[in-house]
Amino acid sequence: MKFNNVTAAAKANIYFEGKVVSHKITLPDKTTKTLGLIFAGNYYFGTEQAERMDVTDGSCSVIIDGSKDSNSYRAGQHFDIPANSGFSIKVETGICQYVCSYID
């Protein structure tokens, strides 16, 4: 993925002692996205807005709140998370890179 004419926040969002790091970008139409890295481990994130997570490199397993099933995703795939919920994400090895889009 490539984004043109964006404003990028220089300060990173850092979670889980630096094992998850993202940067916010604002597109010309004022929508925002975050671009990030998830290092190997297990993490839980809550959501306020609905989100679409596009995996751009690596792989992960995800359990979305309300589901018992774990689904695997790799580069070129995505998953959606409803508003006011959350998800558990596991990266077995290496780094999973992603683009998070916020859905109205």
PDB file of N, CA and C in Angstrom:
ATOM      1  N   MET A   1       0.834  -1.176   0.000  1.00  0.00           N
ATOM      2  CA  MET A   1       0.000   0.000   0.000  1.00  0.00           C
ATOM      3  C   MET A   1       0.877   1.238   0.000  1.00  0.00           C
ATOM      4  N   LYS A   2       0.406   2.233  -0.696  1.00  0.00           N
ATOM      5  CA  LYS A   2       1.118   3.502  -0.733  1.00  0.00           C
ATOM      6  C   LYS A   2       0.093   4.614  -0.583  1.00  0.00           C
ATOM      7  N   PHE A   3       0.437   5.624   0.217  1.00  0.00           N
ATOM      8  CA  PHE A   3      -0.447   6.761   0.452  1.00  0.00           C
ATOM      9  C   PHE A   3       0.291   8.030   0.061  1.00  0.00           C
ATOM     10  N   ASN A   4      -0.337   8.850  -0.765  1.00  0.00           N
ATOM     11  CA  ASN A   4       0.263  10.096  -1.219  1.00  0.00           C
ATOM     12  C   ASN A   4      -0.357  11.292  -0.505  1.00  0.00           C
ATOM     13  N   ASN A   5       0.415  12.366  -0.388  1.00  0.00           N
ATOM     14  CA  ASN A   5      -0.068  13.636   0.158  1.00  0.00           C
ATOM     15  C   ASN A   5      -0.696  13.489   1.536  1.00  0.00           C
ATOM     16  N   VAL A   6       0.013  12.822   2.438  1.00  0.00           N
ATOM     17  CA  VAL A   6      -0.494  12.625   3.788  1.00  0.00           C
ATOM     18  C   VAL A   6       0.295  13.457   4.788  1.00  0.00           C
ATOM     19  N   THR A   7      -0.301  13.648   5.952  1.00  0.00           N
ATOM     20  CA  THR A   7       0.382  14.237   7.088  1.00  0.00           C
ATOM     21  C   THR A   7       0.657  13.097   8.055  1.00  0.00           C
ATOM     22  N   ALA A   8       1.908  12.959   8.471  1.00  0.00           N
ATOM     23  CA  ALA A   8       2.291  11.870   9.364  1.00  0.00           C
ATOM     24  C   ALA A   8       2.658  12.418  10.735  1.00  0.00           C
ATOM     25  N   ALA A   9       2.193  11.737  11.774  1.00  0.00           N
ATOM     26  CA  ALA A   9       2.573  12.092  13.141  1.00  0.00           C
ATOM     27  C   ALA A   9       3.941  11.489  13.424  1.00  0.00           C
ATOM     28  N   ALA A  10       4.892  12.310  13.809  1.00  0.00           N
ATOM     29  CA  ALA A  10       6.241  11.834  14.071  1.00  0.00           C
ATOM     30  C   ALA A  10       6.308  10.996  15.346  1.00  0.00           C
ATOM     31  N   LYS A  11       5.472  11.337  16.318  1.00  0.00           N
ATOM     32  CA  LYS A  11       5.491  10.597  17.580  1.00  0.00           C
ATOM     33  C   LYS A  11       4.711   9.298  17.422  1.00  0.00           C
ATOM     34  N   ALA A  12       5.342   8.201  17.777  1.00  0.00           N
ATOM     35  CA  ALA A  12       4.719   6.883  17.648  1.00  0.00           C
ATOM     36  C   ALA A  12       3.762   6.603  18.807  1.00  0.00           C
ATOM     37  N   ASN A  13       2.778   5.754  18.533  1.00  0.00           N
ATOM     38  CA  ASN A  13       1.949   5.148  19.571  1.00  0.00           C
ATOM     39  C   ASN A  13       2.664   3.853  19.944  1.00  0.00           C
ATOM     40  N   ILE A  14       3.038   3.715  21.204  1.00  0.00           N
ATOM     41  CA  ILE A  14       3.820   2.556  21.635  1.00  0.00           C
ATOM     42  C   ILE A  14       3.019   1.792  22.691  1.00  0.00           C
ATOM     43  N   TYR A  15       2.837   0.494  22.452  1.00  0.00           N
ATOM     44  CA  TYR A  15       2.066  -0.364  23.338  1.00  0.00           C
ATOM     45  C   TYR A  15       2.901  -1.581  23.737  1.00  0.00           C
ATOM     46  N   PHE A  16       2.525  -2.186  24.841  1.00  0.00           N
ATOM     47  CA  PHE A  16       3.129  -3.439  25.280  1.00  0.00           C
ATOM     48  C   PHE A  16       4.659  -3.371  25.280  1.00  0.00           C
ATOM     49  N   GLU A  17       5.160  -2.345  25.970  1.00  0.00           N
ATOM     50  CA  GLU A  17       6.603  -2.161  26.163  1.00  0.00           C
ATOM     51  C   GLU A  17       7.383  -2.175  24.846  1.00  0.00           C
ATOM     52  N   GLY A  18       6.785  -1.548  23.820  1.00  0.00           N
ATOM     53  CA  GLY A  18       7.455  -1.404  22.537  1.00  0.00           C
ATOM     54  C   GLY A  18       7.268  -2.561  21.582  1.00  0.00           C
ATOM     55  N   LYS A  19       6.442  -3.529  21.944  1.00  0.00           N
ATOM     56  CA  LYS A  19       6.238  -4.684  21.068  1.00  0.00           C
ATOM     57  C   LYS A  19       5.181  -4.435  20.003  1.00  0.00           C
ATOM     58  N   VAL A  20       4.421  -3.348  20.151  1.00  0.00           N
ATOM     59  CA  VAL A  20       3.472  -2.897  19.127  1.00  0.00           C
ATOM     60  C   VAL A  20       3.690  -1.392  18.971  1.00  0.00           C
ATOM     61  N   VAL A  21       3.984  -0.961  17.737  1.00  0.00           N
ATOM     62  CA  VAL A  21       4.284   0.439  17.472  1.00  0.00           C
ATOM     63  C   VAL A  21       3.530   0.871  16.225  1.00  0.00           C
ATOM     64  N   SER A  22       2.902   2.050  16.291  1.00  0.00           N
ATOM     65  CA  SER A  22       2.202   2.554  15.107  1.00  0.00           C
ATOM     66  C   SER A  22       2.385   4.063  14.984  1.00  0.00           C
ATOM     67  N   HIS A  23       2.157   4.542  13.767  1.00  0.00           N
ATOM     68  CA  HIS A  23       2.177   5.973  13.468  1.00  0.00           C
ATOM     69  C   HIS A  23       0.863   6.328  12.780  1.00  0.00           C
ATOM     70  N   LYS A  24       0.322   7.468  13.140  1.00  0.00           N
ATOM     71  CA  LYS A  24      -0.936   7.942  12.556  1.00  0.00           C
ATOM     72  C   LYS A  24      -0.640   8.793  11.327  1.00  0.00           C
ATOM     73  N   ILE A  25      -1.433   8.566  10.284  1.00  0.00           N
ATOM     74  CA  ILE A  25      -1.367   9.434   9.106  1.00  0.00           C
ATOM     75  C   ILE A  25      -2.758  10.007   8.854  1.00  0.00           C
ATOM     76  N   THR A  26      -2.788  11.207   8.309  1.00  0.00           N
ATOM     77  CA  THR A  26      -4.042  11.855   7.930  1.00  0.00           C
ATOM     78  C   THR A  26      -4.009  12.071   6.423  1.00  0.00           C
ATOM     79  N   LEU A  27      -5.028  11.567   5.751  1.00  0.00           N
ATOM     80  CA  LEU A  27      -5.126  11.680   4.306  1.00  0.00           C
ATOM     81  C   LEU A  27      -5.722  13.027   3.915  1.00  0.00           C
ATOM     82  N   PRO A  28      -5.618  13.419   2.639  1.00  0.00           N
ATOM     83  CA  PRO A  28      -6.157  14.709   2.202  1.00  0.00           C
ATOM     84  C   PRO A  28      -7.645  14.901   2.515  1.00  0.00           C
ATOM     85  N   ASP A  29      -8.416  13.806   2.549  1.00  0.00           N
ATOM     86  CA  ASP A  29      -9.851  13.920   2.852  1.00  0.00           C
ATOM     87  C   ASP A  29     -10.134  13.944   4.355  1.00  0.00           C
ATOM     88  N   LYS A  30      -9.068  14.040   5.175  1.00  0.00           N
ATOM     89  CA  LYS A  30      -9.110  14.139   6.639  1.00  0.00           C
ATOM     90  C   LYS A  30      -9.371  12.809   7.339  1.00  0.00           C
ATOM     91  N   THR A  31      -9.478  11.695   6.604  1.00  0.00           N
ATOM     92  CA  THR A  31      -9.569  10.401   7.266  1.00  0.00           C
ATOM     93  C   THR A  31      -8.191  10.044   7.810  1.00  0.00           C
ATOM     94  N   THR A  32      -8.186   9.194   8.839  1.00  0.00           N
ATOM     95  CA  THR A  32      -6.921   8.790   9.448  1.00  0.00           C
ATOM     96  C   THR A  32      -6.739   7.282   9.367  1.00  0.00           C
ATOM     97  N   LYS A  33      -5.493   6.900   9.397  1.00  0.00           N
ATOM     98  CA  LYS A  33      -5.103   5.499   9.429  1.00  0.00           C
ATOM     99  C   LYS A  33      -3.901   5.399  10.354  1.00  0.00           C
ATOM    100  N   THR A  34      -3.619   4.186  10.807  1.00  0.00           N
ATOM    101  CA  THR A  34      -2.371   3.954  11.509  1.00  0.00           C
ATOM    102  C   THR A  34      -1.608   2.874  10.766  1.00  0.00           C
ATOM    103  N   LEU A  35      -0.282   3.056  10.705  1.00  0.00           N
ATOM    104  CA  LEU A  35       0.619   2.101  10.086  1.00  0.00           C
ATOM    105  C   LEU A  35       1.476   1.539  11.201  1.00  0.00           C
ATOM    106  N   GLY A  36       1.534   0.213  11.317  1.00  0.00           N
ATOM    107  CA  GLY A  36       2.245  -0.301  12.473  1.00  0.00           C
ATOM    108  C   GLY A  36       2.939  -1.625  12.312  1.00  0.00           C
ATOM    109  N   LEU A  37       3.649  -1.964  13.382  1.00  0.00           N
ATOM    110  CA  LEU A  37       4.403  -3.210  13.520  1.00  0.00           C
ATOM    111  C   LEU A  37       3.953  -3.918  14.786  1.00  0.00           C
ATOM    112  N   ILE A  38       3.785  -5.231  14.692  1.00  0.00           N
ATOM    113  CA  ILE A  38       3.479  -6.053  15.861  1.00  0.00           C
ATOM    114  C   ILE A  38       4.552  -7.130  15.930  1.00  0.00           C
ATOM    115  N   PHE A  39       5.349  -7.090  16.983  1.00  0.00           N
ATOM    116  CA  PHE A  39       6.387  -8.092  17.176  1.00  0.00           C
ATOM    117  C   PHE A  39       5.776  -9.359  17.772  1.00  0.00           C
ATOM    118  N   ALA A  40       6.502 -10.461  17.716  1.00  0.00           N
ATOM    119  CA  ALA A  40       6.004 -11.744  18.209  1.00  0.00           C
ATOM    120  C   ALA A  40       5.458 -11.611  19.629  1.00  0.00           C
ATOM    121  N   GLY A  41       4.275 -12.196  19.856  1.00  0.00           N
ATOM    122  CA  GLY A  41       3.633 -12.180  21.156  1.00  0.00           C
ATOM    123  C   GLY A  41       2.124 -12.236  21.021  1.00  0.00           C
ATOM    124  N   ASN A  42       1.440 -12.155  22.176  1.00  0.00           N
ATOM    125  CA  ASN A  42      -0.018 -12.150  22.250  1.00  0.00           C
ATOM    126  C   ASN A  42      -0.477 -10.824  22.831  1.00  0.00           C
ATOM    127  N   TYR A  43      -1.465 -10.196  22.192  1.00  0.00           N
ATOM    128  CA  TYR A  43      -1.917  -8.870  22.611  1.00  0.00           C
ATOM    129  C   TYR A  43      -3.430  -8.768  22.487  1.00  0.00           C
ATOM    130  N   TYR A  44      -4.009  -7.856  23.284  1.00  0.00           N
ATOM    131  CA  TYR A  44      -5.447  -7.584  23.186  1.00  0.00           C
ATOM    132  C   TYR A  44      -5.650  -6.086  22.982  1.00  0.00           C
ATOM    133  N   PHE A  45      -6.535  -5.744  22.040  1.00  0.00           N
ATOM    134  CA  PHE A  45      -6.880  -4.351  21.770  1.00  0.00           C
ATOM    135  C   PHE A  45      -8.378  -4.178  21.815  1.00  0.00           C
ATOM    136  N   GLY A  46      -8.835  -3.123  22.470  1.00  0.00           N
ATOM    137  CA  GLY A  46     -10.232  -2.731  22.446  1.00  0.00           C
ATOM    138  C   GLY A  46     -10.450  -1.702  21.346  1.00  0.00           C
ATOM    139  N   THR A  47     -11.671  -1.647  20.834  1.00  0.00           N
ATOM    140  CA  THR A  47     -11.985  -0.680  19.781  1.00  0.00           C
ATOM    141  C   THR A  47     -13.150   0.203  20.203  1.00  0.00           C
ATOM    142  N   GLU A  48     -13.110   1.444  19.779  1.00  0.00           N
ATOM    143  CA  GLU A  48     -14.258   2.335  19.901  1.00  0.00           C
ATOM    144  C   GLU A  48     -14.945   2.405  18.542  1.00  0.00           C
ATOM    145  N   GLN A  49     -14.153   2.722  17.510  1.00  0.00           N
ATOM    146  CA  GLN A  49     -14.660   2.755  16.145  1.00  0.00           C
ATOM    147  C   GLN A  49     -14.462   1.386  15.508  1.00  0.00           C
ATOM    148  N   ALA A  50     -15.262   1.102  14.491  1.00  0.00           N
ATOM    149  CA  ALA A  50     -15.015  -0.094  13.690  1.00  0.00           C
ATOM    150  C   ALA A  50     -13.692   0.086  12.962  1.00  0.00           C
ATOM    151  N   GLU A  51     -12.971  -1.007  12.761  1.00  0.00           N
ATOM    152  CA  GLU A  51     -11.660  -0.945  12.131  1.00  0.00           C
ATOM    153  C   GLU A  51     -11.505  -2.032  11.080  1.00  0.00           C
ATOM    154  N   ARG A  52     -10.699  -1.730  10.083  1.00  0.00           N
ATOM    155  CA  ARG A  52     -10.254  -2.723   9.107  1.00  0.00           C
ATOM    156  C   ARG A  52      -8.745  -2.813   9.235  1.00  0.00           C
ATOM    157  N   MET A  53      -8.259  -4.008   9.466  1.00  0.00           N
ATOM    158  CA  MET A  53      -6.827  -4.234   9.602  1.00  0.00           C
ATOM    159  C   MET A  53      -6.330  -4.976   8.366  1.00  0.00           C
ATOM    160  N   ASP A  54      -5.502  -4.296   7.574  1.00  0.00           N
ATOM    161  CA  ASP A  54      -4.875  -4.901   6.404  1.00  0.00           C
ATOM    162  C   ASP A  54      -3.476  -5.351   6.794  1.00  0.00           C
ATOM    163  N   VAL A  55      -3.204  -6.619   6.640  1.00  0.00           N
ATOM    164  CA  VAL A  55      -1.874  -7.145   6.922  1.00  0.00           C
ATOM    165  C   VAL A  55      -1.015  -6.895   5.680  1.00  0.00           C
ATOM    166  N   THR A  56       0.082  -6.174   5.862  1.00  0.00           N
ATOM    167  CA  THR A  56       0.940  -5.824   4.727  1.00  0.00           C
ATOM    168  C   THR A  56       2.223  -6.644   4.670  1.00  0.00           C
ATOM    169  N   ASP A  57       2.576  -7.290   5.775  1.00  0.00           N
ATOM    170  CA  ASP A  57       3.745  -8.160   5.789  1.00  0.00           C
ATOM    171  C   ASP A  57       3.652  -9.059   7.012  1.00  0.00           C
ATOM    172  N   GLY A  58       4.144 -10.283   6.894  1.00  0.00           N
ATOM    173  CA  GLY A  58       4.103 -11.218   8.006  1.00  0.00           C
ATOM    174  C   GLY A  58       2.747 -11.877   8.122  1.00  0.00           C
ATOM    175  N   SER A  59       2.460 -12.399   9.317  1.00  0.00           N
ATOM    176  CA  SER A  59       1.188 -13.083   9.543  1.00  0.00           C
ATOM    177  C   SER A  59       0.795 -12.986  11.009  1.00  0.00           C
ATOM    178  N   CYS A  60      -0.476 -13.283  11.269  1.00  0.00           N
ATOM    179  CA  CYS A  60      -1.008 -13.229  12.626  1.00  0.00           C
ATOM    180  C   CYS A  60      -2.244 -14.120  12.721  1.00  0.00           C
ATOM    181  N   SER A  61      -2.625 -14.428  13.949  1.00  0.00           N
ATOM    182  CA  SER A  61      -3.876 -15.122  14.240  1.00  0.00           C
ATOM    183  C   SER A  61      -4.716 -14.183  15.089  1.00  0.00           C
ATOM    184  N   VAL A  62      -6.024 -14.149  14.816  1.00  0.00           N
ATOM    185  CA  VAL A  62      -6.905 -13.173  15.458  1.00  0.00           C
ATOM    186  C   VAL A  62      -8.168 -13.849  15.971  1.00  0.00           C
ATOM    187  N   ILE A  63      -8.586 -13.463  17.178  1.00  0.00           N
ATOM    188  CA  ILE A  63      -9.894 -13.842  17.704  1.00  0.00           C
ATOM    189  C   ILE A  63     -10.625 -12.543  18.001  1.00  0.00           C
ATOM    190  N   ILE A  64     -11.725 -12.317  17.314  1.00  0.00           N
ATOM    191  CA  ILE A  64     -12.530 -11.111  17.518  1.00  0.00           C
ATOM    192  C   ILE A  64     -13.520 -11.371  18.641  1.00  0.00           C
ATOM    193  N   ASP A  65     -13.718 -10.379  19.519  1.00  0.00           N
ATOM    194  CA  ASP A  65     -14.658 -10.525  20.631  1.00  0.00           C
ATOM    195  C   ASP A  65     -15.973 -11.125  20.141  1.00  0.00           C
ATOM    196  N   GLY A  66     -16.500 -12.070  20.911  1.00  0.00           N
ATOM    197  CA  GLY A  66     -17.757 -12.716  20.560  1.00  0.00           C
ATOM    198  C   GLY A  66     -17.575 -13.984  19.750  1.00  0.00           C
ATOM    199  N   SER A  67     -16.343 -14.254  19.332  1.00  0.00           N
ATOM    200  CA  SER A  67     -16.056 -15.457  18.544  1.00  0.00           C
ATOM    201  C   SER A  67     -15.119 -16.356  19.335  1.00  0.00           C
ATOM    202  N   LYS A  68     -15.254 -17.644  19.139  1.00  0.00           N
ATOM    203  CA  LYS A  68     -14.334 -18.598  19.758  1.00  0.00           C
ATOM    204  C   LYS A  68     -13.266 -19.038  18.773  1.00  0.00           C
ATOM    205  N   ASP A  69     -13.466 -18.701  17.492  1.00  0.00           N
ATOM    206  CA  ASP A  69     -12.578 -19.155  16.439  1.00  0.00           C
ATOM    207  C   ASP A  69     -11.410 -18.209  16.218  1.00  0.00           C
ATOM    208  N   SER A  70     -10.243 -18.792  16.045  1.00  0.00           N
ATOM    209  CA  SER A  70      -9.054 -18.038  15.669  1.00  0.00           C
ATOM    210  C   SER A  70      -8.893 -18.142  14.160  1.00  0.00           C
ATOM    211  N   ASN A  71      -8.672 -17.014  13.513  1.00  0.00           N
ATOM    212  CA  ASN A  71      -8.456 -16.987  12.071  1.00  0.00           C
ATOM    213  C   ASN A  71      -7.065 -16.443  11.792  1.00  0.00           C
ATOM    214  N   SER A  72      -6.405 -17.024  10.806  1.00  0.00           N
ATOM    215  CA  SER A  72      -5.055 -16.603  10.431  1.00  0.00           C
ATOM    216  C   SER A  72      -5.115 -15.668   9.232  1.00  0.00           C
ATOM    217  N   TYR A  73      -4.226 -14.681   9.240  1.00  0.00           N
ATOM    218  CA  TYR A  73      -4.140 -13.696   8.161  1.00  0.00           C
ATOM    219  C   TYR A  73      -2.684 -13.499   7.801  1.00  0.00           C
ATOM    220  N   ARG A  74      -2.422 -13.273   6.521  1.00  0.00           N
ATOM    221  CA  ARG A  74      -1.065 -13.012   6.045  1.00  0.00           C
ATOM    222  C   ARG A  74      -1.109 -11.805   5.111  1.00  0.00           C
ATOM    223  N   ALA A  75       0.050 -11.384   4.658  1.00  0.00           N
ATOM    224  CA  ALA A  75       0.152 -10.222   3.779  1.00  0.00           C
ATOM    225  C   ALA A  75      -0.851 -10.324   2.636  1.00  0.00           C
ATOM    226  N   GLY A  76      -1.561  -9.221   2.407  1.00  0.00           N
ATOM    227  CA  GLY A  76      -2.572  -9.164   1.354  1.00  0.00           C
ATOM    228  C   GLY A  76      -3.975  -9.495   1.839  1.00  0.00           C
ATOM    229  N   GLN A  77      -4.113  -9.901   3.101  1.00  0.00           N
ATOM    230  CA  GLN A  77      -5.430 -10.211   3.659  1.00  0.00           C
ATOM    231  C   GLN A  77      -5.804  -9.162   4.707  1.00  0.00           C
ATOM    232  N   HIS A  78      -7.085  -9.129   5.076  1.00  0.00           N
ATOM    233  CA  HIS A  78      -7.553  -8.175   6.092  1.00  0.00           C
ATOM    234  C   HIS A  78      -8.618  -8.818   6.964  1.00  0.00           C
ATOM    235  N   PHE A  79      -8.879  -8.154   8.096  1.00  0.00           N
ATOM    236  CA  PHE A  79     -10.003  -8.536   8.953  1.00  0.00           C
ATOM    237  C   PHE A  79     -10.647  -7.268   9.478  1.00  0.00           C
ATOM    238  N   ASP A  80     -11.934  -7.377   9.805  1.00  0.00           N
ATOM    239  CA  ASP A  80     -12.719  -6.236  10.293  1.00  0.00           C
ATOM    240  C   ASP A  80     -13.107  -6.465  11.744  1.00  0.00           C
ATOM    241  N   ILE A  81     -13.069  -5.391  12.522  1.00  0.00           N
ATOM    242  CA  ILE A  81     -13.443  -5.442  13.928  1.00  0.00           C
ATOM    243  C   ILE A  81     -14.596  -4.473  14.142  1.00  0.00           C
ATOM    244  N   PRO A  82     -15.693  -4.932  14.750  1.00  0.00           N
ATOM    245  CA  PRO A  82     -16.820  -4.025  14.997  1.00  0.00           C
ATOM    246  C   PRO A  82     -16.463  -2.933  16.009  1.00  0.00           C
ATOM    247  N   ALA A  83     -17.232  -1.864  15.975  1.00  0.00           N
ATOM    248  CA  ALA A  83     -17.082  -0.788  16.965  1.00  0.00           C
ATOM    249  C   ALA A  83     -17.406  -1.323  18.355  1.00  0.00           C
ATOM    250  N   ASN A  84     -16.810  -0.717  19.352  1.00  0.00           N
ATOM    251  CA  ASN A  84     -17.072  -1.042  20.755  1.00  0.00           C
ATOM    252  C   ASN A  84     -16.889  -2.517  21.062  1.00  0.00           C
ATOM    253  N   SER A  85     -15.811  -3.079  20.559  1.00  0.00           N
ATOM    254  CA  SER A  85     -15.499  -4.475  20.850  1.00  0.00           C
ATOM    255  C   SER A  85     -13.984  -4.581  21.005  1.00  0.00           C
ATOM    256  N   GLY A  86     -13.410  -5.654  20.520  1.00  0.00           N
ATOM    257  CA  GLY A  86     -11.975  -5.815  20.617  1.00  0.00           C
ATOM    258  C   GLY A  86     -11.533  -7.103  19.958  1.00  0.00           C
ATOM    259  N   PHE A  87     -10.229  -7.347  20.033  1.00  0.00           N
ATOM    260  CA  PHE A  87      -9.689  -8.554  19.432  1.00  0.00           C
ATOM    261  C   PHE A  87      -8.364  -8.928  20.085  1.00  0.00           C
ATOM    262  N   SER A  88      -8.109 -10.228  20.090  1.00  0.00           N
ATOM    263  CA  SER A  88      -6.815 -10.750  20.513  1.00  0.00           C
ATOM    264  C   SER A  88      -6.034 -11.065  19.263  1.00  0.00           C
ATOM    265  N   ILE A  89      -4.764 -10.709  19.259  1.00  0.00           N
ATOM    266  CA  ILE A  89      -3.921 -10.953  18.093  1.00  0.00           C
ATOM    267  C   ILE A  89      -2.633 -11.619  18.556  1.00  0.00           C
ATOM    268  N   LYS A  90      -2.230 -12.635  17.801  1.00  0.00           N
ATOM    269  CA  LYS A  90      -1.018 -13.382  18.125  1.00  0.00           C
ATOM    270  C   LYS A  90      -0.115 -13.408  16.899  1.00  0.00           C
ATOM    271  N   VAL A  91       1.137 -13.034  17.114  1.00  0.00           N
ATOM    272  CA  VAL A  91       2.161 -13.137  16.083  1.00  0.00           C
ATOM    273  C   VAL A  91       3.137 -14.195  16.576  1.00  0.00           C
ATOM    274  N   GLU A  92       3.224 -15.284  15.833  1.00  0.00           N
ATOM    275  CA  GLU A  92       4.069 -16.414  16.245  1.00  0.00           C
ATOM    276  C   GLU A  92       5.552 -16.069  16.181  1.00  0.00           C
ATOM    277  N   THR A  93       6.000 -15.588  15.034  1.00  0.00           N
ATOM    278  CA  THR A  93       7.410 -15.278  14.844  1.00  0.00           C
ATOM    279  C   THR A  93       7.546 -14.040  13.966  1.00  0.00           C
ATOM    280  N   GLY A  94       8.667 -13.392  14.073  1.00  0.00           N
ATOM    281  CA  GLY A  94       8.928 -12.242  13.221  1.00  0.00           C
ATOM    282  C   GLY A  94       8.070 -11.047  13.575  1.00  0.00           C
ATOM    283  N   ILE A  95       7.729 -10.287  12.551  1.00  0.00           N
ATOM    284  CA  ILE A  95       6.959  -9.052  12.714  1.00  0.00           C
ATOM    285  C   ILE A  95       5.791  -9.069  11.753  1.00  0.00           C
ATOM    286  N   CYS A  96       4.624  -8.689  12.242  1.00  0.00           N
ATOM    287  CA  CYS A  96       3.444  -8.499  11.400  1.00  0.00           C
ATOM    288  C   CYS A  96       3.270  -6.994  11.206  1.00  0.00           C
ATOM    289  N   GLN A  97       3.241  -6.553   9.953  1.00  0.00           N
ATOM    290  CA  GLN A  97       3.017  -5.145   9.654  1.00  0.00           C
ATOM    291  C   GLN A  97       1.583  -4.963   9.184  1.00  0.00           C
ATOM    292  N   TYR A  98       1.003  -3.809   9.512  1.00  0.00           N
ATOM    293  CA  TYR A  98      -0.409  -3.594   9.192  1.00  0.00           C
ATOM    294  C   TYR A  98      -0.710  -2.142   8.888  1.00  0.00           C
ATOM    295  N   VAL A  99      -1.883  -1.952   8.259  1.00  0.00           N
ATOM    296  CA  VAL A  99      -2.500  -0.644   8.088  1.00  0.00           C
ATOM    297  C   VAL A  99      -3.886  -0.756   8.701  1.00  0.00           C
ATOM    298  N   CYS A 100      -4.180   0.094   9.663  1.00  0.00           N
ATOM    299  CA  CYS A 100      -5.487   0.109  10.311  1.00  0.00           C
ATOM    300  C   CYS A 100      -6.288   1.294   9.773  1.00  0.00           C
ATOM    301  N   SER A 101      -7.455   0.993   9.198  1.00  0.00           N
ATOM    302  CA  SER A 101      -8.367   2.028   8.705  1.00  0.00           C
ATOM    303  C   SER A 101      -9.568   2.082   9.637  1.00  0.00           C
ATOM    304  N   TYR A 102     -10.000   3.284   9.961  1.00  0.00           N
ATOM    305  CA  TYR A 102     -11.139   3.472  10.838  1.00  0.00           C
ATOM    306  C   TYR A 102     -12.389   3.638   9.985  1.00  0.00           C
ATOM    307  N   ILE A 103     -13.399   2.837  10.299  1.00  0.00           N
ATOM    308  CA  ILE A 103     -14.625   2.771   9.507  1.00  0.00           C
ATOM    309  C   ILE A 103     -15.729   3.535  10.219  1.00  0.00           C
ATOM    310  N   ASP A 104     -16.408   4.407   9.480  1.00  0.00           N
ATOM    311  CA  ASP A 104     -17.528   5.169  10.082  1.00  0.00           C
ATOM    312  C   ASP A 104     -18.757   4.304  10.204  1.00  0.00           C
TER     313      ASP A 104
END
